[in-house]
C-alpha atoms as a PDB file:
ATOM      1  CA  MET A   1       0.001   0.052   0.040  1.00  0.00           C
ATOM      2  CA  LEU A   2       2.844   2.425   0.876  1.00  0.00           C
ATOM      3  CA  THR A   3       4.592   1.760  -2.617  1.00  0.00           C
ATOM      4  CA  LEU A   4       1.267   2.715  -4.350  1.00  0.00           C
ATOM      5  CA  LEU A   5       1.240   5.975  -2.412  1.00  0.00           C
ATOM      6  CA  LEU A   6       4.687   6.653  -3.354  1.00  0.00           C
ATOM      7  CA  ARG A   7       4.232   5.726  -7.132  1.00  0.00           C
ATOM      8  CA  LEU A   8       1.024   7.603  -7.553  1.00  0.00           C
ATOM      9  CA  PRO A   9       2.337  10.956  -8.482  1.00  0.00           C
ATOM     10  CA  PHE A  10       4.462   9.126 -11.349  1.00  0.00           C
ATOM     11  CA  LEU A  11       1.547   7.100 -12.758  1.00  0.00           C
ATOM     12  CA  PRO A  12       0.826   9.692 -15.349  1.00  0.00           C
ATOM     13  CA  ILE A  13       4.139   9.912 -16.268  1.00  0.00           C
ATOM     14  CA  GLU A  14       4.512   6.109 -16.738  1.00  0.00           C
ATOM     15  CA  GLY A  15       1.391   6.141 -18.782  1.00  0.00           C
ATOM     16  CA  VAL A  16       2.755   8.779 -21.209  1.00  0.00           C
ATOM     17  CA  VAL A  17       5.900   6.715 -21.542  1.00  0.00           C
ATOM     18  CA  ARG A  18       3.869   3.664 -22.380  1.00  0.00           C
ATOM     19  CA  LEU A  19       1.890   5.470 -24.978  1.00  0.00           C
ATOM     20  CA  ALA A  20       5.191   6.812 -26.534  1.00  0.00           C
ATOM     21  CA  GLU A  21       6.336   3.211 -26.799  1.00  0.00           C
ATOM     22  CA  LEU A  22       3.373   2.036 -28.451  1.00  0.00           C
ATOM     23  CA  ILE A  23       3.266   4.936 -30.882  1.00  0.00           C
ATOM     24  CA  GLU A  24       6.885   4.160 -31.798  1.00  0.00           C
ATOM     25  CA  ASP A  25       6.422   0.590 -32.317  1.00  0.00           C
ATOM     26  CA  GLN A  26       3.421   1.241 -34.428  1.00  0.00           C
ATOM     27  CA  ALA A  27       5.594   3.839 -36.517  1.00  0.00           C
ATOM     28  CA  GLU A  28       8.275   1.302 -36.921  1.00  0.00           C
ATOM     29  CA  ARG A  29       5.693  -1.221 -38.385  1.00  0.00           C
ATOM     30  CA  GLU A  30       4.384   1.157 -40.690  1.00  0.00           C
ATOM     31  CA  PHE A  31       7.839   2.425 -41.698  1.00  0.00           C
ATOM     32  CA  HIS A  32       8.945  -0.931 -42.896  1.00  0.00           C
ATOM     33  CA  ASP A  33       5.536  -2.271 -44.144  1.00  0.00           C
ATOM     34  CA  PRO A  34       6.145  -3.788 -47.680  1.00  0.00           C
ATOM     35  CA  ALA A  35       2.641  -2.725 -48.884  1.00  0.00           C
ATOM     36  CA  ALA A  36       3.569   0.938 -48.001  1.00  0.00           C
ATOM     37  CA  VAL A  37       6.830   0.842 -49.617  1.00  0.00           C
ATOM     38  CA  ARG A  38       5.261  -0.287 -52.868  1.00  0.00           C
ATOM     39  CA  ARG A  39       2.833   2.450 -52.860  1.00  0.00           C
ATOM     40  CA  GLU A  40       5.672   4.956 -52.439  1.00  0.00           C
ATOM     41  CA  LEU A  41       7.660   3.288 -55.298  1.00  0.00           C
ATOM     42  CA  GLU A  42       4.530   3.452 -57.354  1.00  0.00           C
ATOM     43  CA  ALA A  43       3.985   7.047 -56.750  1.00  0.00           C
ATOM     44  CA  ALA A  44       7.688   7.753 -57.462  1.00  0.00           C
ATOM     45  CA  ALA A  45       7.307   5.989 -60.885  1.00  0.00           C
ATOM     46  CA  GLU A  46       4.158   8.058 -61.652  1.00  0.00           C
ATOM     47  CA  ALA A  47       5.850  11.166 -60.662  1.00  0.00           C
ATOM     48  CA  ARG A  48       8.816  10.370 -63.176  1.00  0.00           C
ATOM     49  CA  ALA A  49       6.735   9.296 -65.774  1.00  0.00           C
ATOM     50  CA  ALA A  50       4.691  12.796 -65.344  1.00  0.00           C
ATOM     51  CA  GLY A  51       8.384  14.588 -65.329  1.00  0.00           C
ATOM     52  CA  ALA A  52       7.977  15.699 -61.777  1.00  0.00           C
ATOM     53  CA  ILE A  53      11.118  14.253 -60.485  1.00  0.00           C
ATOM     54  CA  SER A  54      14.339  13.263 -62.294  1.00  0.00           C
ATOM     55  CA  ASP A  55      15.979   9.806 -62.817  1.00  0.00           C
ATOM     56  CA  ALA A  56      18.399  10.388 -60.023  1.00  0.00           C
ATOM     57  CA  GLU A  57      15.859  11.494 -57.592  1.00  0.00           C
ATOM     58  CA  LEU A  58      13.637   8.376 -58.468  1.00  0.00           C
ATOM     59  CA  ALA A  59      16.899   6.377 -57.993  1.00  0.00           C
ATOM     60  CA  GLU A  60      17.254   7.773 -54.528  1.00  0.00           C
ATOM     61  CA  ILE A  61      13.732   7.173 -53.714  1.00  0.00           C
ATOM     62  CA  GLU A  62      14.207   3.582 -54.934  1.00  0.00           C
ATOM     63  CA  ARG A  63      17.409   3.123 -52.762  1.00  0.00           C
ATOM     64  CA  GLN A  64      15.763   4.506 -49.648  1.00  0.00           C
ATOM     65  CA  ALA A  65      12.729   2.334 -50.100  1.00  0.00           C
ATOM     66  CA  THR A  66      14.724  -0.740 -50.629  1.00  0.00           C
ATOM     67  CA  ALA A  67      16.956   0.035 -47.565  1.00  0.00           C
ATOM     68  CA  ARG A  68      13.824   0.232 -45.445  1.00  0.00           C
ATOM     69  CA  LEU A  69      12.682  -3.092 -46.563  1.00  0.00           C
ATOM     70  CA  VAL A  70      15.791  -4.909 -45.817  1.00  0.00           C
ATOM     71  CA  GLY A  71      16.376  -2.818 -42.431  1.00  0.00           C
ATOM     72  CA  GLN A  72      19.244  -0.984 -43.193  1.00  0.00           C
ATOM     73  CA  PRO A  73      19.671   2.628 -42.121  1.00  0.00           C
ATOM     74  CA  VAL A  74      17.947   5.225 -44.227  1.00  0.00           C
ATOM     75  CA  GLY A  75      19.708   8.453 -45.233  1.00  0.00           C
ATOM     76  CA  PRO A  76      21.114  10.247 -48.065  1.00  0.00           C
ATOM     77  CA  ALA A  77      23.555   8.564 -50.435  1.00  0.00           C
ATOM     78  CA  TRP A  78      27.187   9.207 -49.620  1.00  0.00           C
ATOM     79  CA  ARG A  79      28.676  11.321 -52.346  1.00  0.00           C
ATOM     80  CA  ARG A  80      32.179  10.430 -53.714  1.00  0.00           C
END
């Protein structure tokens, strides 16, 4: 009973932390979802066909999307 009284002021903070963890988990699942990656690639291909993006931009989008699928860190390509 005493520990509950001592923990009582921290319960809202623990709830917020748990909620943040749940949101992070869901965002990770959506980020690596193959269907979402496919939709992104299709949208990029349509944008390239319409002339809205260049071949280099399309290649970068494809590289980042593929990296997301295999779990590699996603970031800008290294320039040489």
